[in-house]
Amino acid sequence: MSLAFFWLLLGSMLIGLPVAFALLFAPGLSLVLEGKEAFLLMLTQRLYNGIDSFPLMAVPFFILAGEIMNRSGITVSLVDFSKAFIGHLRGGLAQINIASSLLFAGLSGSAVADCSALGKMLIPAMEKNGYSRKFAAAVTAASAIIGPIIPPSGIMILYAFVMNVSVGGLFAAGLVPGLLITLGLMGMTWILAKKRNYPVAAAKASWGEKAEATKVAFWPLLTPIILLGGILSGIFTPTEAAAVAAAYALVISFASGRLNGKDLYEVLYETGKSSAVILFLVGAAVAFSSVVSLSGTPQKITQFVISVTQDPLMLLLLINLVLLIVGMFLDAGPAILILGPILGPVLISQGVDPLHFAIVMCVNLTVGLATPPMGLVLFVASSISGVRVETIAREMLPYLLVHMTVIGLITYFPALTLTIPRLLGFAS
C-alpha cells in the first residue's frame, strides 16, 4: 500500500478540513483509489472500536471534574492559597499565577481550562497591580501548559490508550517534568521581576492567614492526592479515579454552596460537547492508525531513520525537532493520536524506554500549545487579554527558553522521568 493517505491527510488539513474528518477522509479515499474498497468496512469498525473502550471513559469524567471546579469558583481558593504563601515575593502576582497553575493542574489536567480560569481572574488583577497586560497574558499562557503534564492528564490518557502503555506509569513520569517547568518558570519570573522592578502582591502573610487560606483550599487540594494516591497504590484504576474526581468535585462544590442546579446543567452540557469531540477524534485516529499499520509506514520510517543514524541520542534530537515543529501547527491530542503509532516504534526499536519516549512526546506537544503560530493556549490568552497573539509570543520568549531547557533535560537524562515509575513498579 502506498503513502497516498499521508499526503491526502496533509492536503485535507491544509484546506481547513477538521482533523477528525481528515483522519477518516484521507485513508478512505486512498483505499478507494487503490482499489481496496473491501477495507472500508474495517475503517468504520475501527472507528467504533476506538471509542468503545473502558479506559477512555476517564476522559469525559476528568473533563466533568474540571468543568465543575472551574464553574464553582474553586480556582479562587487556590489563588488565595498561593497568595498567602508567595504573594510577598517580588513579582508576587506572576508567581501566584504559576503556583496556581500547578495546583489547578492537579484538578483539571487541561491547559485551556487553566488558561481560561486563571487568566480571567489574574490578568486584570496583574494589570491593576502594575504589570503590563502583555506580560500578564504571557505568564498565564506559559504556566498553563503545566496542566497536561502534571497528572491527571487527558493527553496522557490518549497516548496510553493508543500506544498501550500504563496510564499510571505515565502519570508518575509526568510529576518531575511538571515540577521542573514550574520551578523554571518561577525562577525566570524572579529574574524578570528584579530586572523590571515588578511589585509584590501583598504583605507577608501571618501564620494565621496562611492557616486560614489552607483551611479554605484544603478540600480542593486533596483532589490530586486522592487521585494519585488511589491510582499509584492500586486502590482504583485511572478510569475509576476519573469518576471519583468528578464525584468529589460535585460534593465539595455543592457543599460549599458554589454550585446550583442551573450551573450543573451547563456543566453537563459543556462536558458532553467536549467529550463528543474528543472521543470522535480518538475513534477517527484509531481508524487512521489501522491504515498506517496496514501500509507498513512505521517499518518504512524506522528503516529510513536508522539509515540516517542509529545513535539513540541523535534520534531523540531529531524526534524532538519534528515534534516541536508539529506542535506549532497541530493540537497536542491529534498530534499524539497521529504521530504516536508512527514515531513510537522507531525509538522503541532502538532501545528507548516506552515511558521515556511517551513523556518526551507529551511534554513536547504540550509546549506546542503555547508556541506560535497555532498554539491554542496563545489564542485563549489573547481572547481574554485583548493582546495580539504575536505580542504575547514575543513576551513569552524567556519562558519558552525554560520549556526547551526542561525538554532537553528529560530527553537526555531519562532518570528524571523514569525514577518514580520504576520505584512504583511501572518501568523496568
Foldseek 3Di string as FASTA:
>chain_A
DDPQLVVQLVVCVVVPNDNLVSLLVSVCVVCVVVVNNVCNVVLVVLLVVLLPDLLLLLQLLLLLLLLLCLQLVLLVLLLLLQCQAQLQAQLNLLLSLLSSLLQSLLGRQALLSQLQSSLLPRLVVLVVQPDDSLLSLLSSNLSSLLNQLAPPHPLLSLLCSQVVAASLLLNLLSPLLSVLLSVLSSVLSNVVSVVVVHHRRDHHHDPVSSVVSCVSSVQSSCLSVVLNVCCLVVVDHSSVSSNVSSVSSVVVSVVVVSDDPVSSVVSVVVSVVVSVVLSSSSSSLSSSVVVCVVVVQLVVVLVVVVVVDLPLLVLLVVVLVVLLVVLQPDALNNCSSNCVSRSQVNNVVSPDFSSLVSSLNNLSSSLSLLHDDDNVSLVSSCVSSVDDSVSSNVSNVSSVVSSVVSSVCSSVPVCSRNVSCVVSPSGD
